[in-house]
Protein backbone atom coordinates (compact mmCIF):
# COMPACT_ATOMS: atom_id res chain seq x y z
CA MET A 1 -11.24 -36.36 -25.93
CA SER A 2 -10.17 -37.20 -22.38
CA ASN A 3 -6.90 -35.34 -23.00
CA SER A 4 -8.74 -32.06 -23.72
CA ILE A 5 -10.87 -32.50 -20.60
CA THR A 6 -7.72 -33.02 -18.53
CA VAL A 7 -6.20 -29.85 -19.97
CA ARG A 8 -9.38 -27.90 -19.14
CA VAL A 9 -9.42 -29.21 -15.57
CA ILE A 10 -5.76 -28.31 -15.08
CA ALA A 11 -6.32 -24.84 -16.56
CA ALA A 12 -9.36 -24.24 -14.34
CA THR A 13 -7.46 -25.41 -11.26
CA ALA A 14 -4.48 -23.18 -12.06
CA LEU A 15 -6.77 -20.21 -12.61
CA SER A 16 -8.57 -20.76 -9.30
CA VAL A 17 -5.24 -21.01 -7.45
CA LEU A 18 -4.07 -17.75 -9.00
CA VAL A 19 -7.31 -15.96 -8.18
CA SER A 20 -7.42 -17.25 -4.60
CA GLY A 21 -3.76 -16.30 -4.08
CA ALA A 22 -4.48 -12.76 -5.21
CA ALA A 23 -7.48 -12.60 -2.89
CA LEU A 24 -5.39 -13.73 0.07
CA ALA A 25 -2.76 -11.14 -0.73
CA GLY A 26 -5.31 -8.31 -0.77
CA THR A 27 -4.82 -5.42 1.62
CA PRO A 28 -7.87 -3.22 1.05
CA ARG A 29 -7.60 -1.51 4.45
CA LEU A 30 -3.98 -0.57 3.83
CA ASP A 31 -4.78 0.53 0.28
CA GLN A 32 -7.45 2.89 1.64
CA ARG A 33 -5.04 4.27 4.25
CA GLU A 34 -2.41 4.89 1.57
CA HIS A 35 -4.99 6.70 -0.52
CA ASN A 36 -6.06 8.87 2.44
CA GLN A 37 -2.46 9.66 3.33
CA ARG A 38 -1.70 10.63 -0.26
CA GLN A 39 -4.69 12.99 -0.21
CA ARG A 40 -3.50 14.52 3.08
CA ILE A 41 -0.06 15.17 1.56
CA GLU A 42 -1.59 16.70 -1.59
CA GLN A 43 -3.91 18.88 0.50
CA GLY A 44 -0.93 20.05 2.59
CA MET A 45 0.97 20.97 -0.57
CA ARG A 46 -2.03 22.89 -1.98
CA SER A 47 -2.68 24.79 1.25
CA GLY A 48 0.97 25.61 1.85
CA GLU A 49 1.12 23.70 5.16
CA LEU A 50 3.96 21.59 3.72
CA THR A 51 7.20 22.93 2.32
CA ARG A 52 8.57 21.25 -0.80
CA PRO A 53 11.26 19.31 1.14
CA GLU A 54 8.66 18.14 3.68
CA ALA A 55 6.33 17.00 0.91
CA HIS A 56 9.21 15.24 -0.85
CA ARG A 57 10.12 13.31 2.30
CA LEU A 58 6.50 12.34 2.93
CA VAL A 59 6.01 11.16 -0.65
CA HIS A 60 9.21 9.13 -0.33
CA GLY A 61 7.75 7.55 2.83
CA GLN A 62 4.62 6.59 0.88
CA VAL A 63 6.77 5.02 -1.83
CA HIS A 64 8.62 3.03 0.84
CA LEU A 65 5.30 1.81 2.25
CA ARG A 66 4.11 0.72 -1.21
CA ARG A 67 7.37 -1.18 -1.76
CA MET A 68 6.95 -2.95 1.57
CA GLU A 69 3.42 -3.89 0.56
CA ALA A 70 4.55 -5.20 -2.84
CA LYS A 71 7.24 -7.30 -1.17
CA ALA A 72 4.71 -8.72 1.29
CA LYS A 73 2.32 -9.59 -1.55
CA SER A 74 5.02 -11.09 -3.77
CA ASP A 75 4.46 -14.65 -2.56
CA GLY A 76 0.68 -14.40 -2.90
CA VAL A 77 -0.10 -14.28 0.83
CA VAL A 78 0.25 -11.43 3.30
CA THR A 79 0.93 -13.09 6.63
CA ARG A 80 -0.29 -11.76 9.96
CA ARG A 81 3.25 -10.58 10.79
CA GLU A 82 3.66 -8.84 7.42
CA ARG A 83 0.26 -7.19 7.83
CA ALA A 84 1.25 -5.98 11.31
CA ARG A 85 4.50 -4.51 9.99
CA LEU A 86 2.64 -2.77 7.17
CA GLU A 87 0.07 -1.32 9.59
CA TYR A 88 2.85 -0.17 11.93
CA SER A 89 4.65 1.56 9.06
CA ALA A 90 1.40 3.18 7.92
CA ASP A 91 0.82 4.41 11.49
CA LYS A 92 4.30 5.94 11.62
CA GLN A 93 3.78 7.59 8.25
CA SER A 94 0.46 9.03 9.40
CA VAL A 95 2.16 10.56 12.45
CA ARG A 96 4.88 12.05 10.23
CA ILE A 97 2.26 13.61 7.96
CA HIS A 98 0.43 15.13 10.93
CA ARG A 99 3.62 16.53 12.47
CA GLN A 100 4.83 18.05 9.23
CA LYS A 101 1.48 19.61 8.42
CA HIS A 102 1.16 21.15 11.87
CA ASP A 103 4.69 22.36 12.51
CA ALA A 104 5.74 26.01 12.38
CA GLN A 105 7.07 25.74 8.82
CA ASP A 106 4.95 26.56 5.81
CA ARG A 107 5.45 27.77 2.26
CA ASN A 108 3.75 31.12 2.81
């Protein structure tokens, strides 16, 4: 009997560690920014503000940002430095999107 209780306690502890690690690695603000940036790119493609090569480069930038985020989350904790790098990269990507959408080139 005591052996099954020990197994349950170990399983519960392991589960709580996994759940808390995932919570620490959460980046909801960055996830929302990525979502908004993706919508801005899609809107630019629909309206013709972005050429196909521009859209391709911007999408590639979003993929790079997601890879950086996955790497930062891989150990279960996004450190303050990692979070700052991710925010900086998201800022740069946002500027790129704005510049490409408002330059003289368009598909029309």
